[in-house]
PDB file of N, CA and C in Angstrom:
ATOM      1  N   VAL A   1      32.469   3.952  31.108  1.00  0.00           N
ATOM      2  CA  VAL A   1      31.609   2.958  30.503  1.00  0.00           C
ATOM      3  C   VAL A   1      30.171   3.439  30.624  1.00  0.00           C
ATOM      4  N   VAL A   2      29.453   3.354  29.519  1.00  0.00           N
ATOM      5  CA  VAL A   2      28.027   3.653  29.508  1.00  0.00           C
ATOM      6  C   VAL A   2      27.301   2.396  29.052  1.00  0.00           C
ATOM      7  N   MET A   3      26.366   1.934  29.848  1.00  0.00           N
ATOM      8  CA  MET A   3      25.576   0.754  29.493  1.00  0.00           C
ATOM      9  C   MET A   3      24.430   1.186  28.589  1.00  0.00           C
ATOM     10  N   VAL A   4      24.200   0.407  27.539  1.00  0.00           N
ATOM     11  CA  VAL A   4      23.056   0.604  26.655  1.00  0.00           C
ATOM     12  C   VAL A   4      22.290  -0.710  26.666  1.00  0.00           C
ATOM     13  N   SER A   5      21.007  -0.644  27.012  1.00  0.00           N
ATOM     14  CA  SER A   5      20.258  -1.888  27.155  1.00  0.00           C
ATOM     15  C   SER A   5      18.787  -1.689  26.841  1.00  0.00           C
ATOM     16  N   ALA A   6      18.181  -2.751  26.336  1.00  0.00           N
ATOM     17  CA  ALA A   6      16.731  -2.764  26.127  1.00  0.00           C
ATOM     18  C   ALA A   6      16.009  -3.002  27.449  1.00  0.00           C
ATOM     19  N   GLN A   7      16.717  -3.536  28.424  1.00  0.00           N
ATOM     20  CA  GLN A   7      16.125  -3.767  29.743  1.00  0.00           C
ATOM     21  C   GLN A   7      16.241  -2.478  30.556  1.00  0.00           C
ATOM     22  N   GLU A   8      15.104  -1.973  30.989  1.00  0.00           N
ATOM     23  CA  GLU A   8      15.095  -0.699  31.700  1.00  0.00           C
ATOM     24  C   GLU A   8      14.666  -0.831  33.156  1.00  0.00           C
ATOM     25  N   GLU A   9      14.588  -2.088  33.643  1.00  0.00           N
ATOM     26  CA  GLU A   9      14.155  -2.298  35.016  1.00  0.00           C
ATOM     27  C   GLU A   9      15.177  -1.706  35.986  1.00  0.00           C
ATOM     28  N   ALA A  10      14.689  -1.261  37.117  1.00  0.00           N
ATOM     29  CA  ALA A  10      15.550  -0.600  38.108  1.00  0.00           C
ATOM     30  C   ALA A  10      16.719  -1.477  38.531  1.00  0.00           C
ATOM     31  N   ASP A  11      16.495  -2.782  38.702  1.00  0.00           N
ATOM     32  CA  ASP A  11      17.598  -3.634  39.166  1.00  0.00           C
ATOM     33  C   ASP A  11      18.722  -3.709  38.146  1.00  0.00           C
ATOM     34  N   VAL A  12      18.404  -3.669  36.861  1.00  0.00           N
ATOM     35  CA  VAL A  12      19.440  -3.695  35.820  1.00  0.00           C
ATOM     36  C   VAL A  12      20.240  -2.398  35.846  1.00  0.00           C
ATOM     37  N   VAL A  13      19.536  -1.285  35.972  1.00  0.00           N
ATOM     38  CA  VAL A  13      20.197   0.026  36.004  1.00  0.00           C
ATOM     39  C   VAL A  13      21.066   0.153  37.253  1.00  0.00           C
ATOM     40  N   VAL A  14      20.531  -0.234  38.390  1.00  0.00           N
ATOM     41  CA  VAL A  14      21.271  -0.141  39.653  1.00  0.00           C
ATOM     42  C   VAL A  14      22.513  -1.035  39.619  1.00  0.00           C
ATOM     43  N   ARG A  15      22.381  -2.251  39.070  1.00  0.00           N
ATOM     44  CA  ARG A  15      23.543  -3.138  38.975  1.00  0.00           C
ATOM     45  C   ARG A  15      24.618  -2.551  38.069  1.00  0.00           C
ATOM     46  N   SER A  16      24.208  -1.887  36.998  1.00  0.00           N
ATOM     47  CA  SER A  16      25.182  -1.231  36.116  1.00  0.00           C
ATOM     48  C   SER A  16      25.978  -0.189  36.897  1.00  0.00           C
ATOM     49  N   LYS A  17      25.269   0.545  37.721  1.00  0.00           N
ATOM     50  CA  LYS A  17      25.906   1.573  38.552  1.00  0.00           C
ATOM     51  C   LYS A  17      26.851   0.940  39.563  1.00  0.00           C
ATOM     52  N   GLU A  18      26.393  -0.142  40.204  1.00  0.00           N
ATOM     53  CA  GLU A  18      27.218  -0.826  41.204  1.00  0.00           C
ATOM     54  C   GLU A  18      28.488  -1.408  40.600  1.00  0.00           C
ATOM     55  N   PHE A  19      28.426  -1.828  39.338  1.00  0.00           N
ATOM     56  CA  PHE A  19      29.590  -2.418  38.675  1.00  0.00           C
ATOM     57  C   PHE A  19      30.512  -1.368  38.074  1.00  0.00           C
ATOM     58  N   GLY A  20      30.219  -0.090  38.304  1.00  0.00           N
ATOM     59  CA  GLY A  20      31.165   0.949  37.929  1.00  0.00           C
ATOM     60  C   GLY A  20      30.885   1.711  36.655  1.00  0.00           C
ATOM     61  N   ALA A  21      29.753   1.481  36.017  1.00  0.00           N
ATOM     62  CA  ALA A  21      29.432   2.252  34.814  1.00  0.00           C
ATOM     63  C   ALA A  21      29.220   3.713  35.190  1.00  0.00           C
ATOM     64  N   SER A  22      29.443   4.601  34.241  1.00  0.00           N
ATOM     65  CA  SER A  22      29.233   6.034  34.469  1.00  0.00           C
ATOM     66  C   SER A  22      27.872   6.495  33.981  1.00  0.00           C
ATOM     67  N   GLY A  23      27.164   5.606  33.328  1.00  0.00           N
ATOM     68  CA  GLY A  23      25.850   5.976  32.839  1.00  0.00           C
ATOM     69  C   GLY A  23      25.102   4.785  32.286  1.00  0.00           C
ATOM     70  N   PHE A  24      23.821   5.017  32.013  1.00  0.00           N
ATOM     71  CA  PHE A  24      22.946   3.986  31.478  1.00  0.00           C
ATOM     72  C   PHE A  24      22.011   4.652  30.493  1.00  0.00           C
ATOM     73  N   ILE A  25      21.935   4.065  29.298  1.00  0.00           N
ATOM     74  CA  ILE A  25      21.051   4.607  28.268  1.00  0.00           C
ATOM     75  C   ILE A  25      20.079   3.513  27.849  1.00  0.00           C
ATOM     76  N   PRO A  26      18.799   3.701  28.138  1.00  0.00           N
ATOM     77  CA  PRO A  26      17.817   2.738  27.646  1.00  0.00           C
ATOM     78  C   PRO A  26      17.742   2.829  26.118  1.00  0.00           C
ATOM     79  N   LYS A  27      17.613   1.686  25.446  1.00  0.00           N
ATOM     80  CA  LYS A  27      17.542   1.690  23.988  1.00  0.00           C
ATOM     81  C   LYS A  27      16.334   2.455  23.469  1.00  0.00           C
ATOM     82  N   SER A  28      15.336   2.613  24.306  1.00  0.00           N
ATOM     83  CA  SER A  28      14.135   3.345  23.893  1.00  0.00           C
ATOM     84  C   SER A  28      14.328   4.854  23.933  1.00  0.00           C
ATOM     85  N   SER A  29      15.493   5.328  24.357  1.00  0.00           N
ATOM     86  CA  SER A  29      15.759   6.766  24.466  1.00  0.00           C
ATOM     87  C   SER A  29      15.772   7.430  23.103  1.00  0.00           C
ATOM     88  N   SER A  30      15.417   8.700  23.090  1.00  0.00           N
ATOM     89  CA  SER A  30      15.489   9.473  21.847  1.00  0.00           C
ATOM     90  C   SER A  30      16.953   9.715  21.488  1.00  0.00           C
ATOM     91  N   MET A  31      17.201  10.043  20.244  1.00  0.00           N
ATOM     92  CA  MET A  31      18.565  10.318  19.798  1.00  0.00           C
ATOM     93  C   MET A  31      19.164  11.477  20.594  1.00  0.00           C
ATOM     94  N   GLU A  32      18.351  12.475  20.909  1.00  0.00           N
ATOM     95  CA  GLU A  32      18.836  13.614  21.683  1.00  0.00           C
ATOM     96  C   GLU A  32      19.260  13.200  23.092  1.00  0.00           C
ATOM     97  N   ALA A  33      18.469  12.323  23.720  1.00  0.00           N
ATOM     98  CA  ALA A  33      18.803  11.854  25.067  1.00  0.00           C
ATOM     99  C   ALA A  33      20.091  11.026  25.039  1.00  0.00           C
ATOM    100  N   ILE A  34      20.257  10.208  24.008  1.00  0.00           N
ATOM    101  CA  ILE A  34      21.478   9.403  23.870  1.00  0.00           C
ATOM    102  C   ILE A  34      22.682  10.321  23.713  1.00  0.00           C
ATOM    103  N   GLN A  35      22.559  11.333  22.871  1.00  0.00           N
ATOM    104  CA  GLN A  35      23.660  12.277  22.653  1.00  0.00           C
ATOM    105  C   GLN A  35      24.007  13.025  23.939  1.00  0.00           C
ATOM    106  N   ARG A  36      22.987  13.459  24.685  1.00  0.00           N
ATOM    107  CA  ARG A  36      23.240  14.161  25.957  1.00  0.00           C
ATOM    108  C   ARG A  36      23.984  13.266  26.936  1.00  0.00           C
ATOM    109  N   ALA A  37      23.553  12.005  27.039  1.00  0.00           N
ATOM    110  CA  ALA A  37      24.176  11.069  27.974  1.00  0.00           C
ATOM    111  C   ALA A  37      25.630  10.809  27.596  1.00  0.00           C
ATOM    112  N   VAL A  38      25.885  10.576  26.331  1.00  0.00           N
ATOM    113  CA  VAL A  38      27.255  10.297  25.889  1.00  0.00           C
ATOM    114  C   VAL A  38      28.139  11.521  26.102  1.00  0.00           C
ATOM    115  N   ARG A  39      27.636  12.697  25.765  1.00  0.00           N
ATOM    116  CA  ARG A  39      28.430  13.925  25.981  1.00  0.00           C
ATOM    117  C   ARG A  39      28.753  14.114  27.462  1.00  0.00           C
ATOM    118  N   ALA A  40      27.762  13.893  28.315  1.00  0.00           N
ATOM    119  CA  ALA A  40      27.969  14.075  29.754  1.00  0.00           C
ATOM    120  C   ALA A  40      29.085  13.165  30.246  1.00  0.00           C
ATOM    121  N   VAL A  41      29.048  11.902  29.855  1.00  0.00           N
ATOM    122  CA  VAL A  41      30.063  10.951  30.314  1.00  0.00           C
ATOM    123  C   VAL A  41      31.429  11.296  29.729  1.00  0.00           C
ATOM    124  N   LEU A  42      31.471  11.682  28.463  1.00  0.00           N
ATOM    125  CA  LEU A  42      32.747  12.063  27.844  1.00  0.00           C
ATOM    126  C   LEU A  42      33.371  13.286  28.520  1.00  0.00           C
ATOM    127  N   GLU A  43      32.524  14.130  29.096  1.00  0.00           N
ATOM    128  CA  GLU A  43      33.000  15.323  29.805  1.00  0.00           C
ATOM    129  C   GLU A  43      33.325  15.028  31.270  1.00  0.00           C
ATOM    130  N   GLY A  44      33.242  13.749  31.656  1.00  0.00           N
ATOM    131  CA  GLY A  44      33.594  13.376  33.028  1.00  0.00           C
ATOM    132  C   GLY A  44      32.434  13.352  33.993  1.00  0.00           C
ATOM    133  N   ASP A  45      31.241  13.584  33.509  1.00  0.00           N
ATOM    134  CA  ASP A  45      30.058  13.562  34.367  1.00  0.00           C
ATOM    135  C   ASP A  45      29.426  12.167  34.312  1.00  0.00           C
ATOM    136  N   VAL A  46      28.272  12.011  34.883  1.00  0.00           N
ATOM    137  CA  VAL A  46      27.543  10.745  34.832  1.00  0.00           C
ATOM    138  C   VAL A  46      26.169  11.006  34.218  1.00  0.00           C
ATOM    139  N   SER A  47      25.534   9.951  33.777  1.00  0.00           N
ATOM    140  CA  SER A  47      24.200  10.078  33.188  1.00  0.00           C
ATOM    141  C   SER A  47      23.362   8.869  33.581  1.00  0.00           C
ATOM    142  N   TRP A  48      22.403   9.097  34.468  1.00  0.00           N
ATOM    143  CA  TRP A  48      21.580   8.005  34.974  1.00  0.00           C
ATOM    144  C   TRP A  48      20.107   8.327  34.822  1.00  0.00           C
ATOM    145  N   PRO A  49      19.297   7.350  34.371  1.00  0.00           N
ATOM    146  CA  PRO A  49      17.844   7.549  34.348  1.00  0.00           C
ATOM    147  C   PRO A  49      17.311   7.468  35.779  1.00  0.00           C
ATOM    148  N   PRO A  50      16.082   7.891  35.986  1.00  0.00           N
ATOM    149  CA  PRO A  50      15.509   7.890  37.347  1.00  0.00           C
ATOM    150  C   PRO A  50      15.558   6.527  38.046  1.00  0.00           C
ATOM    151  N   GLN A  51      15.483   5.428  37.283  1.00  0.00           N
ATOM    152  CA  GLN A  51      15.492   4.099  37.887  1.00  0.00           C
ATOM    153  C   GLN A  51      16.766   3.828  38.680  1.00  0.00           C
ATOM    154  N   ALA A  52      17.830   4.527  38.379  1.00  0.00           N
ATOM    155  CA  ALA A  52      19.112   4.281  39.054  1.00  0.00           C
ATOM    156  C   ALA A  52      19.057   4.639  40.537  1.00  0.00           C
ATOM    157  N   PHE A  53      18.062   5.379  40.923  1.00  0.00           N
ATOM    158  CA  PHE A  53      17.988   5.849  42.302  1.00  0.00           C
ATOM    159  C   PHE A  53      16.857   5.187  43.079  1.00  0.00           C
ATOM    160  N   GLU A  54      16.233   4.178  42.453  1.00  0.00           N
ATOM    161  CA  GLU A  54      15.161   3.448  43.124  1.00  0.00           C
ATOM    162  C   GLU A  54      15.756   2.402  44.060  1.00  0.00           C
ATOM    163  N   GLU A  55      15.060   2.142  45.121  1.00  0.00           N
ATOM    164  CA  GLU A  55      15.449   1.082  46.063  1.00  0.00           C
ATOM    165  C   GLU A  55      15.020  -0.249  45.465  1.00  0.00           C
ATOM    166  N   ILE A  56      15.938  -1.197  45.390  1.00  0.00           N
ATOM    167  CA  ILE A  56      15.560  -2.512  44.879  1.00  0.00           C
ATOM    168  C   ILE A  56      15.719  -3.541  45.986  1.00  0.00           C
ATOM    169  N   ASN A  57      14.840  -4.527  45.959  1.00  0.00           N
ATOM    170  CA  ASN A  57      14.897  -5.607  46.947  1.00  0.00           C
ATOM    171  C   ASN A  57      15.667  -6.773  46.348  1.00  0.00           C
ATOM    172  N   VAL A  58      16.677  -7.199  47.054  1.00  0.00           N
ATOM    173  CA  VAL A  58      17.496  -8.319  46.607  1.00  0.00           C
ATOM    174  C   VAL A  58      17.305  -9.464  47.588  1.00  0.00           C
ATOM    175  N   SER A  59      16.980 -10.637  47.046  1.00  0.00           N
ATOM    176  CA  SER A  59      16.751 -11.798  47.915  1.00  0.00           C
ATOM    177  C   SER A  59      18.053 -12.221  48.589  1.00  0.00           C
ATOM    178  N   ASP A  60      17.919 -12.929  49.688  1.00  0.00           N
ATOM    179  CA  ASP A  60      19.096 -13.451  50.387  1.00  0.00           C
ATOM    180  C   ASP A  60      19.886 -14.388  49.481  1.00  0.00           C
ATOM    181  N   GLU A  61      19.168 -15.146  48.655  1.00  0.00           N
ATOM    182  CA  GLU A  61      19.825 -16.065  47.729  1.00  0.00           C
ATOM    183  C   GLU A  61      20.667 -15.286  46.697  1.00  0.00           C
ATOM    184  N   ALA A  62      20.117 -14.204  46.184  1.00  0.00           N
ATOM    185  CA  ALA A  62      20.850 -13.389  45.209  1.00  0.00           C
ATOM    186  C   ALA A  62      22.058 -12.723  45.860  1.00  0.00           C
ATOM    187  N   LYS A  63      21.901 -12.275  47.103  1.00  0.00           N
ATOM    188  CA  LYS A  63      23.025 -11.676  47.829  1.00  0.00           C
ATOM    189  C   LYS A  63      24.146 -12.691  48.037  1.00  0.00           C
ATOM    190  N   ALA A  64      23.769 -13.912  48.393  1.00  0.00           N
ATOM    191  CA  ALA A  64      24.762 -14.962  48.603  1.00  0.00           C
ATOM    192  C   ALA A  64      25.484 -15.288  47.297  1.00  0.00           C
ATOM    193  N   ALA A  65      24.747 -15.347  46.208  1.00  0.00           N
ATOM    194  CA  ALA A  65      25.364 -15.619  44.904  1.00  0.00           C
ATOM    195  C   ALA A  65      26.317 -14.493  44.525  1.00  0.00           C
ATOM    196  N   ARG A  66      25.895 -13.253  44.739  1.00  0.00           N
ATOM    197  CA  ARG A  66      26.747 -12.093  44.429  1.00  0.00           C
ATOM    198  C   ARG A  66      28.030 -12.146  45.244  1.00  0.00           C
ATOM    199  N   ASP A  67      27.895 -12.419  46.539  1.00  0.00           N
ATOM    200  CA  ASP A  67      29.073 -12.466  47.405  1.00  0.00           C
ATOM    201  C   ASP A  67      30.001 -13.615  47.019  1.00  0.00           C
ATOM    202  N   GLY A  68      29.404 -14.754  46.647  1.00  0.00           N
ATOM    203  CA  GLY A  68      30.210 -15.892  46.221  1.00  0.00           C
ATOM    204  C   GLY A  68      30.997 -15.591  44.953  1.00  0.00           C
ATOM    205  N   LEU A  69      30.352 -14.964  43.975  1.00  0.00           N
ATOM    206  CA  LEU A  69      31.046 -14.591  42.735  1.00  0.00           C
ATOM    207  C   LEU A  69      32.137 -13.565  43.002  1.00  0.00           C
ATOM    208  N   ALA A  70      31.851 -12.632  43.881  1.00  0.00           N
ATOM    209  CA  ALA A  70      32.833 -11.580  44.175  1.00  0.00           C
ATOM    210  C   ALA A  70      34.073 -12.136  44.863  1.00  0.00           C
ATOM    211  N   SER A  71      33.934 -13.280  45.519  1.00  0.00           N
ATOM    212  CA  SER A  71      35.070 -13.844  46.246  1.00  0.00           C
ATOM    213  C   SER A  71      35.954 -14.736  45.371  1.00  0.00           C
ATOM    214  N   LEU A  72      35.529 -15.002  44.132  1.00  0.00           N
ATOM    215  CA  LEU A  72      36.326 -15.861  43.256  1.00  0.00           C
ATOM    216  C   LEU A  72      37.594 -15.159  42.780  1.00  0.00           C
ATOM    217  N   THR A  73      38.660 -15.928  42.653  1.00  0.00           N
ATOM    218  CA  THR A  73      39.886 -15.391  42.056  1.00  0.00           C
ATOM    219  C   THR A  73      39.646 -15.268  40.548  1.00  0.00           C
ATOM    220  N   PRO A  74      40.458 -14.500  39.842  1.00  0.00           N
ATOM    221  CA  PRO A  74      40.285 -14.409  38.389  1.00  0.00           C
ATOM    222  C   PRO A  74      40.321 -15.776  37.705  1.00  0.00           C
ATOM    223  N   GLN A  75      41.223 -16.652  38.141  1.00  0.00           N
ATOM    224  CA  GLN A  75      41.323 -17.984  37.550  1.00  0.00           C
ATOM    225  C   GLN A  75      40.058 -18.792  37.818  1.00  0.00           C
ATOM    226  N   GLN A  76      39.541 -18.722  39.033  1.00  0.00           N
ATOM    227  CA  GLN A  76      38.316 -19.442  39.361  1.00  0.00           C
ATOM    228  C   GLN A  76      37.146 -18.922  38.529  1.00  0.00           C
ATOM    229  N   PHE A  77      37.113 -17.611  38.323  1.00  0.00           N
ATOM    230  CA  PHE A  77      36.041 -17.015  37.524  1.00  0.00           C
ATOM    231  C   PHE A  77      36.132 -17.485  36.073  1.00  0.00           C
ATOM    232  N   ARG A  78      37.358 -17.581  35.528  1.00  0.00           N
ATOM    233  CA  ARG A  78      37.536 -18.090  34.164  1.00  0.00           C
ATOM    234  C   ARG A  78      37.024 -19.524  34.056  1.00  0.00           C
ATOM    235  N   VAL A  79      37.358 -20.351  35.047  1.00  0.00           N
ATOM    236  CA  VAL A  79      36.889 -21.743  35.047  1.00  0.00           C
ATOM    237  C   VAL A  79      35.367 -21.778  35.093  1.00  0.00           C
ATOM    238  N   LEU A  80      34.765 -20.998  35.964  1.00  0.00           N
ATOM    239  CA  LEU A  80      33.304 -20.957  36.066  1.00  0.00           C
ATOM    240  C   LEU A  80      32.680 -20.535  34.739  1.00  0.00           C
ATOM    241  N   THR A  81      33.249 -19.541  34.111  1.00  0.00           N
ATOM    242  CA  THR A  81      32.741 -19.076  32.815  1.00  0.00           C
ATOM    243  C   THR A  81      32.806 -20.197  31.786  1.00  0.00           C
ATOM    244  N   MET A  82      33.906 -20.931  31.775  1.00  0.00           N
ATOM    245  CA  MET A  82      34.058 -22.030  30.818  1.00  0.00           C
ATOM    246  C   MET A  82      33.066 -23.152  31.103  1.00  0.00           C
ATOM    247  N   VAL A  83      32.819 -23.440  32.371  1.00  0.00           N
ATOM    248  CA  VAL A  83      31.826 -24.450  32.737  1.00  0.00           C
ATOM    249  C   VAL A  83      30.454 -24.001  32.228  1.00  0.00           C
ATOM    250  N   CYS A  84      30.131 -22.739  32.427  1.00  0.00           N
ATOM    251  CA  CYS A  84      28.844 -22.203  31.969  1.00  0.00           C
ATOM    252  C   CYS A  84      28.717 -22.253  30.445  1.00  0.00           C
ATOM    253  N   GLU A  85      29.848 -22.182  29.755  1.00  0.00           N
ATOM    254  CA  GLU A  85      29.844 -22.288  28.293  1.00  0.00           C
ATOM    255  C   GLU A  85      29.734 -23.730  27.826  1.00  0.00           C
ATOM    256  N   GLY A  86      29.789 -24.689  28.763  1.00  0.00           N
ATOM    257  CA  GLY A  86      29.613 -26.087  28.435  1.00  0.00           C
ATOM    258  C   GLY A  86      30.889 -26.857  28.156  1.00  0.00           C
ATOM    259  N   LEU A  87      32.047 -26.260  28.445  1.00  0.00           N
ATOM    260  CA  LEU A  87      33.302 -26.970  28.213  1.00  0.00           C
ATOM    261  C   LEU A  87      33.471 -28.094  29.220  1.00  0.00           C
ATOM    262  N   LEU A  88      34.115 -29.155  28.779  1.00  0.00           N
ATOM    263  CA  LEU A  88      34.418 -30.285  29.657  1.00  0.00           C
ATOM    264  C   LEU A  88      35.689 -30.001  30.445  1.00  0.00           C
ATOM    265  N   ASN A  89      35.914 -30.761  31.520  1.00  0.00           N
ATOM    266  CA  ASN A  89      37.108 -30.574  32.351  1.00  0.00           C
ATOM    267  C   ASN A  89      38.389 -30.607  31.519  1.00  0.00           C
ATOM    268  N   LYS A  90      38.492 -31.588  30.612  1.00  0.00           N
ATOM    269  CA  LYS A  90      39.696 -31.714  29.784  1.00  0.00           C
ATOM    270  C   LYS A  90      39.891 -30.472  28.912  1.00  0.00           C
ATOM    271  N   GLN A  91      38.804 -29.939  28.370  1.00  0.00           N
ATOM    272  CA  GLN A  91      38.896 -28.745  27.530  1.00  0.00           C
ATOM    273  C   GLN A  91      39.338 -27.534  28.350  1.00  0.00           C
ATOM    274  N   ILE A  92      38.793 -27.417  29.541  1.00  0.00           N
ATOM    275  CA  ILE A  92      39.149 -26.293  30.414  1.00  0.00           C
ATOM    276  C   ILE A  92      40.616 -26.390  30.794  1.00  0.00           C
ATOM    277  N   ALA A  93      41.053 -27.579  31.175  1.00  0.00           N
ATOM    278  CA  ALA A  93      42.457 -27.772  31.551  1.00  0.00           C
ATOM    279  C   ALA A  93      43.371 -27.423  30.388  1.00  0.00           C
ATOM    280  N   TYR A  94      43.018 -27.859  29.181  1.00  0.00           N
ATOM    281  CA  TYR A  94      43.824 -27.565  28.002  1.00  0.00           C
ATOM    282  C   TYR A  94      43.880 -26.058  27.744  1.00  0.00           C
ATOM    283  N   GLU A  95      42.722 -25.398  27.784  1.00  0.00           N
ATOM    284  CA  GLU A  95      42.647 -23.953  27.526  1.00  0.00           C
ATOM    285  C   GLU A  95      43.469 -23.149  28.533  1.00  0.00           C
ATOM    286  N   LEU A  96      43.498 -23.603  29.774  1.00  0.00           N
ATOM    287  CA  LEU A  96      44.194 -22.867  30.831  1.00  0.00           C
ATOM    288  C   LEU A  96      45.604 -23.387  31.087  1.00  0.00           C
ATOM    289  N   SER A  97      45.982 -24.379  30.317  1.00  0.00           N
ATOM    290  CA  SER A  97      47.331 -24.993  30.467  1.00  0.00           C
ATOM    291  C   SER A  97      47.577 -25.484  31.892  1.00  0.00           C
ATOM    292  N   VAL A  98      46.605 -26.216  32.410  1.00  0.00           N
ATOM    293  CA  VAL A  98      46.743 -26.812  33.732  1.00  0.00           C
ATOM    294  C   VAL A  98      46.380 -28.279  33.633  1.00  0.00           C
ATOM    295  N   SER A  99      46.734 -29.061  34.652  1.00  0.00           N
ATOM    296  CA  SER A  99      46.368 -30.474  34.625  1.00  0.00           C
ATOM    297  C   SER A  99      44.922 -30.606  35.088  1.00  0.00           C
ATOM    298  N   GLU A 100      44.286 -31.667  34.612  1.00  0.00           N
ATOM    299  CA  GLU A 100      42.878 -31.889  34.930  1.00  0.00           C
ATOM    300  C   GLU A 100      42.673 -32.283  36.373  1.00  0.00           C
TER     301      GLU A 100
END
């Protein structure tokens, strides 16, 4: 997986790396840089801009949120996603074939 994003901040790049991407391409990159990055990843290598190696400060609140999300079961994560999309309890129960 190679992330392509208009956001080039170090925390976005580092999070992409932490979530298992093999590379990150800022949308502002030249066509040649994009081609080099894609070729590198297709050949089994990685492609990271300098921001990927910067130290980022994460608040205790953000760490707690990350840990909480990581501890959710797949079903719990689906429910959370549906809540964030604005679905009501009845809609979520129907979509997941469970009782309310």
